[in-house]
């Protein structure tokens, strides 16, 4: 399992969507290997490319919760 550039592009595109303050956006990517989604999300979160968290949900689906990109 590894970092995936296709997933990176999807995650960054989702992270750029405008969100109202204090609102989250939840997304998952069932068509990819879930370990790749996790590895890619971990890397992007660590290098601050996206503001998000992730957890595993129903049937081991890696779910990404995007946070509003605003300073409070």
N, C-alpha and C. Protein backbone atom coordinates (compact mmCIF):
# COMPACT_ATOMS: atom_id res chain seq x y z
N UNK A 1 0.85 -1.17 0.00
CA UNK A 1 0.00 0.00 0.00
C UNK A 1 0.90 1.24 0.00
N UNK A 2 0.41 2.28 -0.63
CA UNK A 2 1.29 3.44 -0.79
C UNK A 2 0.52 4.71 -1.09
N UNK A 3 1.28 5.78 -1.09
CA UNK A 3 0.78 7.08 -1.50
C UNK A 3 0.37 7.00 -2.97
N UNK A 4 -0.77 7.62 -3.30
CA UNK A 4 -1.30 7.54 -4.66
C UNK A 4 -1.60 8.95 -5.18
N UNK A 5 -1.00 9.31 -6.30
CA UNK A 5 -1.19 10.65 -6.85
C UNK A 5 -2.62 10.90 -7.31
N UNK A 6 -3.31 9.87 -7.78
CA UNK A 6 -4.72 10.03 -8.17
C UNK A 6 -5.57 10.41 -6.96
N UNK A 7 -5.32 9.75 -5.85
CA UNK A 7 -6.05 10.05 -4.62
C UNK A 7 -5.65 11.44 -4.12
N UNK A 8 -4.38 11.77 -4.22
CA UNK A 8 -3.91 13.10 -3.81
C UNK A 8 -4.71 14.19 -4.52
N UNK A 9 -4.87 14.07 -5.82
CA UNK A 9 -5.60 15.08 -6.59
C UNK A 9 -7.05 15.19 -6.13
N UNK A 10 -7.68 14.05 -5.86
CA UNK A 10 -9.07 14.06 -5.37
C UNK A 10 -9.17 14.73 -4.00
N UNK A 11 -8.26 14.39 -3.10
CA UNK A 11 -8.30 14.95 -1.75
C UNK A 11 -8.05 16.45 -1.77
N UNK A 12 -7.09 16.89 -2.55
CA UNK A 12 -6.79 18.33 -2.62
C UNK A 12 -7.97 19.09 -3.24
N UNK A 13 -8.59 18.52 -4.27
CA UNK A 13 -9.76 19.17 -4.87
C UNK A 13 -10.90 19.30 -3.87
N UNK A 14 -11.14 18.27 -3.08
CA UNK A 14 -12.19 18.33 -2.06
C UNK A 14 -11.84 19.35 -0.99
N UNK A 15 -10.58 19.39 -0.61
CA UNK A 15 -10.14 20.31 0.45
C UNK A 15 -10.29 21.77 0.03
N UNK A 16 -10.25 22.05 -1.26
CA UNK A 16 -10.35 23.42 -1.75
C UNK A 16 -11.79 23.93 -1.84
N UNK A 17 -12.75 23.04 -1.68
CA UNK A 17 -14.15 23.47 -1.74
C UNK A 17 -14.46 24.41 -0.58
N UNK A 18 -15.22 25.44 -0.86
CA UNK A 18 -15.60 26.41 0.16
C UNK A 18 -16.60 25.79 1.14
N UNK A 19 -16.34 25.97 2.40
CA UNK A 19 -17.24 25.49 3.46
C UNK A 19 -17.56 26.66 4.38
N UNK A 20 -18.78 26.71 4.86
CA UNK A 20 -19.10 27.73 5.87
C UNK A 20 -18.29 27.46 7.15
N UNK A 21 -18.09 28.47 7.96
CA UNK A 21 -17.35 28.27 9.22
C UNK A 21 -17.99 27.17 10.07
N UNK A 22 -17.14 26.40 10.70
CA UNK A 22 -17.54 25.32 11.63
C UNK A 22 -18.32 24.20 10.96
N UNK A 23 -18.15 24.04 9.66
CA UNK A 23 -18.82 22.97 8.92
C UNK A 23 -17.76 22.01 8.40
N UNK A 24 -18.08 20.72 8.43
CA UNK A 24 -17.18 19.72 7.88
C UNK A 24 -17.79 19.12 6.62
N UNK A 25 -16.97 18.51 5.84
CA UNK A 25 -17.40 17.84 4.62
C UNK A 25 -16.82 16.44 4.68
N UNK A 26 -17.65 15.42 4.57
CA UNK A 26 -17.22 14.04 4.71
C UNK A 26 -17.24 13.37 3.34
N UNK A 27 -16.19 12.65 3.04
CA UNK A 27 -16.08 12.00 1.73
C UNK A 27 -15.34 10.69 1.89
N UNK A 28 -15.70 9.72 1.05
CA UNK A 28 -14.92 8.48 1.00
C UNK A 28 -14.69 8.10 -0.45
N UNK A 29 -13.77 7.19 -0.67
CA UNK A 29 -13.34 6.81 -2.00
C UNK A 29 -13.32 5.29 -2.12
N UNK A 30 -14.50 4.68 -2.31
CA UNK A 30 -14.59 3.23 -2.30
C UNK A 30 -13.92 2.54 -3.50
N UNK A 31 -13.62 3.28 -4.55
CA UNK A 31 -13.03 2.67 -5.75
C UNK A 31 -11.51 2.53 -5.67
N UNK A 32 -10.93 2.95 -4.55
CA UNK A 32 -9.48 2.83 -4.36
C UNK A 32 -9.20 1.88 -3.21
N UNK A 33 -7.98 1.35 -3.18
CA UNK A 33 -7.57 0.56 -2.03
C UNK A 33 -7.59 1.47 -0.81
N UNK A 34 -8.25 1.05 0.23
CA UNK A 34 -8.45 1.91 1.39
C UNK A 34 -7.16 2.22 2.13
N UNK A 35 -6.20 1.31 2.08
CA UNK A 35 -4.91 1.60 2.70
C UNK A 35 -4.20 2.71 1.95
N UNK A 36 -4.37 2.76 0.62
CA UNK A 36 -3.78 3.86 -0.17
C UNK A 36 -4.45 5.18 0.17
N UNK A 37 -5.76 5.16 0.38
CA UNK A 37 -6.47 6.38 0.78
C UNK A 37 -5.93 6.86 2.13
N UNK A 38 -5.78 5.94 3.07
CA UNK A 38 -5.25 6.30 4.39
C UNK A 38 -3.83 6.85 4.29
N UNK A 39 -2.96 6.17 3.57
CA UNK A 39 -1.56 6.61 3.45
C UNK A 39 -1.47 7.99 2.80
N UNK A 40 -2.27 8.20 1.77
CA UNK A 40 -2.24 9.49 1.07
C UNK A 40 -2.79 10.59 1.98
N UNK A 41 -3.89 10.32 2.66
CA UNK A 41 -4.47 11.31 3.58
C UNK A 41 -3.49 11.65 4.71
N UNK A 42 -2.85 10.64 5.28
CA UNK A 42 -1.88 10.88 6.36
C UNK A 42 -0.77 11.81 5.89
N UNK A 43 -0.26 11.57 4.69
CA UNK A 43 0.82 12.39 4.16
C UNK A 43 0.37 13.82 3.94
N UNK A 44 -0.80 14.00 3.32
CA UNK A 44 -1.30 15.34 3.03
C UNK A 44 -1.65 16.10 4.31
N UNK A 45 -2.16 15.42 5.31
CA UNK A 45 -2.46 16.05 6.59
C UNK A 45 -1.15 16.45 7.29
N UNK A 46 -0.17 15.56 7.27
CA UNK A 46 1.10 15.83 7.94
C UNK A 46 1.84 17.01 7.31
N UNK A 47 1.78 17.14 5.98
CA UNK A 47 2.49 18.26 5.36
C UNK A 47 1.60 19.49 5.18
N UNK A 48 0.43 19.43 5.81
CA UNK A 48 -0.52 20.55 5.85
C UNK A 48 -1.07 20.97 4.49
N UNK A 49 -1.13 20.01 3.56
CA UNK A 49 -1.74 20.28 2.26
C UNK A 49 -3.26 20.31 2.36
N UNK A 50 -3.79 19.57 3.35
CA UNK A 50 -5.24 19.58 3.60
C UNK A 50 -5.47 19.65 5.10
N UNK A 51 -6.64 20.21 5.48
CA UNK A 51 -7.09 20.18 6.87
C UNK A 51 -8.18 19.13 6.95
N UNK A 52 -7.85 18.00 7.51
CA UNK A 52 -8.81 16.90 7.54
C UNK A 52 -8.42 15.89 8.61
N UNK A 53 -9.32 14.99 8.85
CA UNK A 53 -9.05 13.83 9.69
C UNK A 53 -9.63 12.63 8.95
N UNK A 54 -9.28 11.46 9.38
CA UNK A 54 -9.84 10.28 8.73
C UNK A 54 -10.12 9.21 9.77
N UNK A 55 -11.03 8.34 9.44
CA UNK A 55 -11.32 7.19 10.28
C UNK A 55 -11.89 6.10 9.39
N UNK A 56 -11.93 4.90 9.93
CA UNK A 56 -12.49 3.80 9.17
C UNK A 56 -13.93 3.59 9.62
N UNK A 57 -14.77 3.41 8.65
CA UNK A 57 -16.20 3.36 8.86
C UNK A 57 -16.74 2.03 8.36
N UNK A 58 -17.98 1.98 8.13
CA UNK A 58 -18.70 0.79 7.65
C UNK A 58 -17.90 0.00 6.61
N UNK A 59 -17.74 -1.28 6.85
CA UNK A 59 -17.03 -2.19 5.95
C UNK A 59 -15.61 -1.72 5.64
N UNK A 60 -14.93 -1.21 6.65
CA UNK A 60 -13.54 -0.78 6.52
C UNK A 60 -13.32 0.28 5.45
N UNK A 61 -14.27 1.18 5.30
CA UNK A 61 -14.17 2.27 4.34
C UNK A 61 -13.47 3.45 5.00
N UNK A 62 -12.38 3.91 4.42
CA UNK A 62 -11.64 5.05 4.96
C UNK A 62 -12.41 6.33 4.63
N UNK A 63 -12.87 7.00 5.65
CA UNK A 63 -13.69 8.20 5.49
C UNK A 63 -12.88 9.43 5.88
N UNK A 64 -12.86 10.42 4.99
CA UNK A 64 -12.10 11.64 5.22
C UNK A 64 -13.07 12.75 5.62
N UNK A 65 -12.78 13.43 6.71
CA UNK A 65 -13.58 14.57 7.15
C UNK A 65 -12.76 15.83 6.92
N UNK A 66 -13.20 16.63 5.95
CA UNK A 66 -12.51 17.87 5.61
C UNK A 66 -13.02 18.99 6.52
N UNK A 67 -12.11 19.82 7.00
CA UNK A 67 -12.46 20.93 7.87
C UNK A 67 -12.40 22.23 7.09
N UNK A 68 -13.19 23.19 7.49
CA UNK A 68 -13.18 24.50 6.83
C UNK A 68 -11.78 25.10 6.89
N UNK A 69 -11.32 25.67 5.81
CA UNK A 69 -9.99 26.28 5.74
C UNK A 69 -10.05 27.74 6.13
N UNK A 70 -10.41 27.99 7.37
CA UNK A 70 -10.49 29.37 7.85
C UNK A 70 -9.78 29.47 9.19
N UNK A 71 -9.22 30.62 9.43
CA UNK A 71 -8.58 30.88 10.72
C UNK A 71 -9.60 31.53 11.65
N UNK A 72 -9.69 31.05 12.87
CA UNK A 72 -10.63 31.61 13.84
C UNK A 72 -9.87 32.32 14.92
